[in-house]
Amino acid sequence: MKLLYLTETNLRDRLFIRDLVSNFKLEEKAILIHDTFGGTIRDTRFVTKRISALMSESMIYNNAFSAEQRDMFSFDNDDNLLVNSPFIDKLLPTIQLLIIGPVIKKAGESQLIHALELVKASRQQLPVSETIVFTDNPLSPLGAKNAIISNQSEAEKWTGVYEEEKNAIQLALELYPARLASPMNYSS
């Protein structure tokens, strides 16, 4: 399965979201995890549902959840993040895309969690074949290259050429190996 990660910068760009939805052609099942939005649980949940609605309008079978719903993600007694793999396995046969927002229950209360924690836990506990992150500027030539960041020297090489995409390159390095793509070519 593919794992897509959207940053708040990606979420704030309407053209990015439009292109992401329009170009969704993944044959493999996919999970999309997005960053928090607006700094509130309410805004973040709204974005999760909005992405789902846009995907549905484009006839992409999907389902959207906050990480806390149905205990999709939870913490064990040692504060390790656990993925409810059986539940996800049950969902995926009937949909193409699972959208997950970074709202989780901790100590009985809903709270925002950094989405990177969800991404890292998913990569460790689910059969993820590829992680895709997106450039901050959807028209960046770096995104058009579909570069794979798998070590520090590759990250330094791309940062030297595309300084303006330093944050996206560092994110890909943190999640290495990860592919840096644009919303126009991530499905190819």
C-alpha atoms as a PDB file:
ATOM      1  CA  MET A   1       0.000   0.000   0.000  1.00  0.00           C
ATOM      2  CA  LYS A   2       1.087   3.579  -0.664  1.00  0.00           C
ATOM      3  CA  LEU A   3       1.296   6.115   2.141  1.00  0.00           C
ATOM      4  CA  LEU A   4       0.754   9.784   1.257  1.00  0.00           C
ATOM      5  CA  TYR A   5       1.565  12.587   3.672  1.00  0.00           C
ATOM      6  CA  LEU A   6       0.188  16.115   3.314  1.00  0.00           C
ATOM      7  CA  THR A   7       1.721  18.992   5.249  1.00  0.00           C
ATOM      8  CA  GLU A   8      -0.229  22.029   6.407  1.00  0.00           C
ATOM      9  CA  THR A   9       1.397  23.964   3.551  1.00  0.00           C
ATOM     10  CA  ASN A  10      -0.098  21.435   1.102  1.00  0.00           C
ATOM     11  CA  LEU A  11      -3.492  21.663   2.793  1.00  0.00           C
ATOM     12  CA  ARG A  12      -3.597  25.462   2.540  1.00  0.00           C
ATOM     13  CA  ASP A  13      -3.034  25.401  -1.237  1.00  0.00           C
ATOM     14  CA  ARG A  14      -6.380  24.991  -3.011  1.00  0.00           C
ATOM     15  CA  LEU A  15      -4.736  24.327  -6.367  1.00  0.00           C
ATOM     16  CA  PHE A  16      -2.618  21.618  -4.774  1.00  0.00           C
ATOM     17  CA  ILE A  17      -5.704  19.885  -3.372  1.00  0.00           C
ATOM     18  CA  ARG A  18      -7.540  20.182  -6.678  1.00  0.00           C
ATOM     19  CA  ASP A  19      -4.591  18.672  -8.564  1.00  0.00           C
ATOM     20  CA  LEU A  20      -4.134  15.945  -5.952  1.00  0.00           C
ATOM     21  CA  VAL A  21      -7.753  14.868  -6.340  1.00  0.00           C
ATOM     22  CA  SER A  22      -7.799  15.210 -10.140  1.00  0.00           C
ATOM     23  CA  ASN A  23      -4.664  13.123 -10.580  1.00  0.00           C
ATOM     24  CA  PHE A  24      -5.470  10.283  -8.196  1.00  0.00           C
ATOM     25  CA  LYS A  25      -4.870   7.136 -10.232  1.00  0.00           C
ATOM     26  CA  LEU A  26      -3.185   4.813  -7.765  1.00  0.00           C
ATOM     27  CA  GLU A  27      -4.047   1.205  -8.477  1.00  0.00           C
ATOM     28  CA  GLU A  28      -2.536   0.095  -5.196  1.00  0.00           C
ATOM     29  CA  LYS A  29      -4.503   0.795  -1.994  1.00  0.00           C
ATOM     30  CA  ALA A  30      -3.443   4.007  -0.305  1.00  0.00           C
ATOM     31  CA  ILE A  31      -3.565   5.769   3.028  1.00  0.00           C
ATOM     32  CA  LEU A  32      -3.432   9.550   3.149  1.00  0.00           C
ATOM     33  CA  ILE A  33      -2.402  11.103   6.450  1.00  0.00           C
ATOM     34  CA  HIS A  34      -2.571  14.867   6.703  1.00  0.00           C
ATOM     35  CA  ASP A  35      -1.118  17.387   9.083  1.00  0.00           C
ATOM     36  CA  THR A  36      -3.142  19.410  11.563  1.00  0.00           C
ATOM     37  CA  PHE A  37      -4.971  22.408  10.177  1.00  0.00           C
ATOM     38  CA  GLY A  38      -5.840  25.703  11.801  1.00  0.00           C
ATOM     39  CA  GLY A  39      -4.519  24.591  15.161  1.00  0.00           C
ATOM     40  CA  THR A  40      -7.866  23.207  16.323  1.00  0.00           C
ATOM     41  CA  ILE A  41      -9.477  19.787  16.443  1.00  0.00           C
ATOM     42  CA  ARG A  42     -12.580  21.152  14.722  1.00  0.00           C
ATOM     43  CA  ASP A  43     -10.649  22.614  11.765  1.00  0.00           C
ATOM     44  CA  THR A  44      -8.537  19.492  11.422  1.00  0.00           C
ATOM     45  CA  ARG A  45     -11.602  17.234  11.378  1.00  0.00           C
ATOM     46  CA  PHE A  46     -13.222  19.508   8.800  1.00  0.00           C
ATOM     47  CA  VAL A  47     -10.204  19.169   6.493  1.00  0.00           C
ATOM     48  CA  THR A  48     -10.292  15.370   6.816  1.00  0.00           C
ATOM     49  CA  LYS A  49     -13.928  15.315   5.729  1.00  0.00           C
ATOM     50  CA  ARG A  50     -13.361  17.926   3.022  1.00  0.00           C
ATOM     51  CA  ILE A  51     -10.607  15.886   1.370  1.00  0.00           C
ATOM     52  CA  SER A  52     -12.898  12.866   1.509  1.00  0.00           C
ATOM     53  CA  ALA A  53     -15.763  14.793  -0.091  1.00  0.00           C
ATOM     54  CA  LEU A  54     -13.539  16.047  -2.907  1.00  0.00           C
ATOM     55  CA  MET A  55     -12.243  12.532  -3.550  1.00  0.00           C
ATOM     56  CA  SER A  56     -15.813  11.201  -3.592  1.00  0.00           C
ATOM     57  CA  GLU A  57     -16.828  13.861  -6.119  1.00  0.00           C
ATOM     58  CA  SER A  58     -14.068  12.482  -8.350  1.00  0.00           C
ATOM     59  CA  MET A  59     -15.423   8.953  -7.948  1.00  0.00           C
ATOM     60  CA  ILE A  60     -12.558   7.767  -5.755  1.00  0.00           C
ATOM     61  CA  TYR A  61     -13.871   5.289  -3.221  1.00  0.00           C
ATOM     62  CA  ASN A  62     -12.585   6.461   0.120  1.00  0.00           C
ATOM     63  CA  ASN A  63     -13.314   6.652   3.786  1.00  0.00           C
ATOM     64  CA  ALA A  64     -12.141   9.291   6.256  1.00  0.00           C
ATOM     65  CA  PHE A  65     -11.500   8.979   9.971  1.00  0.00           C
ATOM     66  CA  SER A  66      -9.773  10.837  12.724  1.00  0.00           C
ATOM     67  CA  ALA A  67      -7.044   8.630  14.166  1.00  0.00           C
ATOM     68  CA  GLU A  68      -9.084   8.250  17.364  1.00  0.00           C
ATOM     69  CA  GLN A  69     -12.202   6.896  15.667  1.00  0.00           C
ATOM     70  CA  ARG A  70     -12.755   3.184  16.146  1.00  0.00           C
ATOM     71  CA  ASP A  71      -9.395   3.135  17.932  1.00  0.00           C
ATOM     72  CA  MET A  72      -7.636   3.254  14.568  1.00  0.00           C
ATOM     73  CA  PHE A  73      -4.610   4.603  16.435  1.00  0.00           C
ATOM     74  CA  SER A  74      -4.145   4.415  20.184  1.00  0.00           C
ATOM     75  CA  PHE A  75      -1.480   4.560  22.836  1.00  0.00           C
ATOM     76  CA  ASP A  76      -0.449   1.563  24.916  1.00  0.00           C
ATOM     77  CA  ASN A  77       0.504   1.814  28.598  1.00  0.00           C
ATOM     78  CA  ASP A  78       4.049   2.849  27.654  1.00  0.00           C
ATOM     79  CA  ASP A  79       2.817   5.668  25.350  1.00  0.00           C
ATOM     80  CA  ASN A  80       3.759   3.751  22.205  1.00  0.00           C
ATOM     81  CA  LEU A  81       1.498   4.512  19.263  1.00  0.00           C
ATOM     82  CA  LEU A  82      -0.387   1.452  18.037  1.00  0.00           C
ATOM     83  CA  VAL A  83      -2.096   1.018  14.671  1.00  0.00           C
ATOM     84  CA  ASN A  84      -5.307  -1.002  14.570  1.00  0.00           C
ATOM     85  CA  SER A  85      -4.124  -3.098  11.603  1.00  0.00           C
ATOM     86  CA  PRO A  86      -7.065  -5.551  11.666  1.00  0.00           C
ATOM     87  CA  PHE A  87      -9.543  -2.676  11.352  1.00  0.00           C
ATOM     88  CA  ILE A  88      -7.591  -1.077   8.503  1.00  0.00           C
ATOM     89  CA  ASP A  89      -7.311  -4.462   6.772  1.00  0.00           C
ATOM     90  CA  LYS A  90     -11.077  -4.808   7.021  1.00  0.00           C
ATOM     91  CA  LEU A  91     -11.667  -1.345   5.477  1.00  0.00           C
ATOM     92  CA  LEU A  92      -9.288  -1.479   2.531  1.00  0.00           C
ATOM     93  CA  PRO A  93     -10.923  -4.153   0.345  1.00  0.00           C
ATOM     94  CA  THR A  94     -13.941  -1.927  -0.331  1.00  0.00           C
ATOM     95  CA  ILE A  95     -12.151   1.412  -0.810  1.00  0.00           C
ATOM     96  CA  GLN A  96      -9.196   2.775  -2.727  1.00  0.00           C
ATOM     97  CA  LEU A  97      -8.108   5.449  -0.247  1.00  0.00           C
ATOM     98  CA  LEU A  98      -8.216   5.758   3.531  1.00  0.00           C
ATOM     99  CA  ILE A  99      -7.877   9.340   4.791  1.00  0.00           C
ATOM    100  CA  ILE A 100      -6.697   9.815   8.374  1.00  0.00           C
ATOM    101  CA  GLY A 101      -6.680  13.043  10.355  1.00  0.00           C
ATOM    102  CA  PRO A 102      -4.323  13.611  13.314  1.00  0.00           C
ATOM    103  CA  VAL A 103      -6.843  13.717  16.168  1.00  0.00           C
ATOM    104  CA  ILE A 104      -6.270  11.051  18.812  1.00  0.00           C
ATOM    105  CA  LYS A 105      -7.500  10.197  22.294  1.00  0.00           C
ATOM    106  CA  LYS A 106      -4.976  10.353  25.074  1.00  0.00           C
ATOM    107  CA  ALA A 107      -5.929  10.079  28.720  1.00  0.00           C
ATOM    108  CA  GLY A 108      -9.568   9.954  27.610  1.00  0.00           C
ATOM    109  CA  GLU A 109      -9.494  13.309  25.780  1.00  0.00           C
ATOM    110  CA  SER A 110      -9.310  14.128  22.094  1.00  0.00           C
ATOM    111  CA  GLN A 111      -6.209  16.050  21.132  1.00  0.00           C
ATOM    112  CA  LEU A 112      -4.138  16.907  18.089  1.00  0.00           C
ATOM    113  CA  ILE A 113      -1.079  14.782  17.422  1.00  0.00           C
ATOM    114  CA  HIS A 114       1.766  15.507  15.064  1.00  0.00           C
ATOM    115  CA  ALA A 115       0.864  13.640  11.891  1.00  0.00           C
ATOM    116  CA  LEU A 116       4.452  12.441  11.454  1.00  0.00           C
ATOM    117  CA  GLU A 117       3.912  10.178  14.453  1.00  0.00           C
ATOM    118  CA  LEU A 118       0.978   8.576  12.632  1.00  0.00           C
ATOM    119  CA  VAL A 119       3.051   8.211   9.465  1.00  0.00           C
ATOM    120  CA  LYS A 120       5.973   6.596  11.289  1.00  0.00           C
ATOM    121  CA  ALA A 121       3.724   4.186  13.202  1.00  0.00           C
ATOM    122  CA  SER A 122       1.924   3.254   9.975  1.00  0.00           C
ATOM    123  CA  ARG A 123       5.199   2.553   8.209  1.00  0.00           C
ATOM    124  CA  GLN A 124       6.330   0.286  11.047  1.00  0.00           C
ATOM    125  CA  GLN A 125       3.081  -1.603  11.536  1.00  0.00           C
ATOM    126  CA  LEU A 126       1.468  -1.747   8.076  1.00  0.00           C
ATOM    127  CA  PRO A 127       2.731  -3.176   4.756  1.00  0.00           C
ATOM    128  CA  VAL A 128       3.657   0.187   3.217  1.00  0.00           C
ATOM    129  CA  SER A 129       5.385  -0.162  -0.148  1.00  0.00           C
ATOM    130  CA  GLU A 130       6.145   3.527  -0.663  1.00  0.00           C
ATOM    131  CA  THR A 131       5.891   6.809   1.208  1.00  0.00           C
ATOM    132  CA  ILE A 132       5.098   9.896  -0.848  1.00  0.00           C
ATOM    133  CA  VAL A 133       5.586  13.454   0.381  1.00  0.00           C
ATOM    134  CA  PHE A 134       4.930  16.582  -1.620  1.00  0.00           C
ATOM    135  CA  THR A 135       6.948  19.676  -2.351  1.00  0.00           C
ATOM    136  CA  ASP A 136       5.793  22.905  -0.721  1.00  0.00           C
ATOM    137  CA  ASN A 137       5.356  24.510  -4.139  1.00  0.00           C
ATOM    138  CA  PRO A 138       3.238  22.201  -6.325  1.00  0.00           C
ATOM    139  CA  LEU A 139       4.869  23.692  -9.449  1.00  0.00           C
ATOM    140  CA  SER A 140       8.424  23.103  -8.208  1.00  0.00           C
ATOM    141  CA  PRO A 141      10.730  21.418 -10.731  1.00  0.00           C
ATOM    142  CA  LEU A 142      11.867  19.155  -7.887  1.00  0.00           C
ATOM    143  CA  GLY A 143       8.372  17.692  -7.608  1.00  0.00           C
ATOM    144  CA  ALA A 144       8.376  17.034 -11.339  1.00  0.00           C
ATOM    145  CA  LYS A 145      11.514  14.907 -10.942  1.00  0.00           C
ATOM    146  CA  ASN A 146       9.839  12.385  -8.602  1.00  0.00           C
ATOM    147  CA  ALA A 147      13.073  12.276  -6.613  1.00  0.00           C
ATOM    148  CA  ILE A 148      13.572   9.507  -4.087  1.00  0.00           C
ATOM    149  CA  ILE A 149      15.368  10.569  -0.929  1.00  0.00           C
ATOM    150  CA  SER A 150      17.024   7.586   0.694  1.00  0.00           C
ATOM    151  CA  ASN A 151      20.054   9.087   2.422  1.00  0.00           C
ATOM    152  CA  GLN A 152      21.671  12.301   3.642  1.00  0.00           C
ATOM    153  CA  SER A 153      23.814  12.832   0.536  1.00  0.00           C
ATOM    154  CA  GLU A 154      20.757  12.736  -1.763  1.00  0.00           C
ATOM    155  CA  ALA A 155      18.997  15.233   0.490  1.00  0.00           C
ATOM    156  CA  GLU A 156      22.032  17.541   0.413  1.00  0.00           C
ATOM    157  CA  LYS A 157      22.281  17.242  -3.381  1.00  0.00           C
ATOM    158  CA  TRP A 158      18.642  18.266  -3.880  1.00  0.00           C
ATOM    159  CA  THR A 159      18.819  20.994  -1.231  1.00  0.00           C
ATOM    160  CA  GLY A 160      21.813  22.491  -3.043  1.00  0.00           C
ATOM    161  CA  VAL A 161      19.755  22.808  -6.213  1.00  0.00           C
ATOM    162  CA  TYR A 162      16.306  23.526  -4.735  1.00  0.00           C
ATOM    163  CA  GLU A 163      16.951  25.591  -1.599  1.00  0.00           C
ATOM    164  CA  GLU A 164      13.297  26.742  -1.546  1.00  0.00           C
ATOM    165  CA  GLU A 165      12.197  23.123  -1.010  1.00  0.00           C
ATOM    166  CA  LYS A 166      14.486  22.550   1.966  1.00  0.00           C
ATOM    167  CA  ASN A 167      11.574  21.766   4.334  1.00  0.00           C
ATOM    168  CA  ALA A 168      10.073  19.172   1.990  1.00  0.00           C
ATOM    169  CA  ILE A 169      13.478  17.587   1.397  1.00  0.00           C
ATOM    170  CA  GLN A 170      14.132  17.391   5.147  1.00  0.00           C
ATOM    171  CA  LEU A 171      10.719  15.793   5.630  1.00  0.00           C
ATOM    172  CA  ALA A 172      11.499  13.184   2.964  1.00  0.00           C
ATOM    173  CA  LEU A 173      14.852  12.539   4.643  1.00  0.00           C
ATOM    174  CA  GLU A 174      13.158  12.074   8.015  1.00  0.00           C
ATOM    175  CA  LEU A 175      10.857   9.494   6.424  1.00  0.00           C
ATOM    176  CA  TYR A 176      13.459   7.962   4.107  1.00  0.00           C
ATOM    177  CA  PRO A 177      13.136   6.285   1.783  1.00  0.00           C
ATOM    178  CA  ALA A 178      10.452   8.644   0.544  1.00  0.00           C
ATOM    179  CA  ARG A 179       9.500   9.983  -2.843  1.00  0.00           C
ATOM    180  CA  LEU A 180       9.147  13.736  -3.329  1.00  0.00           C
ATOM    181  CA  ALA A 181       6.387  14.311  -5.839  1.00  0.00           C
ATOM    182  CA  SER A 182       3.950  16.906  -7.055  1.00  0.00           C
ATOM    183  CA  PRO A 183       0.160  16.605  -7.030  1.00  0.00           C
ATOM    184  CA  MET A 184       0.333  16.168 -10.805  1.00  0.00           C
ATOM    185  CA  ASN A 185       2.691  13.174 -10.930  1.00  0.00           C
ATOM    186  CA  TYR A 186       2.450  11.242  -7.655  1.00  0.00           C
ATOM    187  CA  SER A 187       0.174   8.601  -9.169  1.00  0.00           C
ATOM    188  CA  SER A 188       2.387   7.832 -12.123  1.00  0.00           C
END
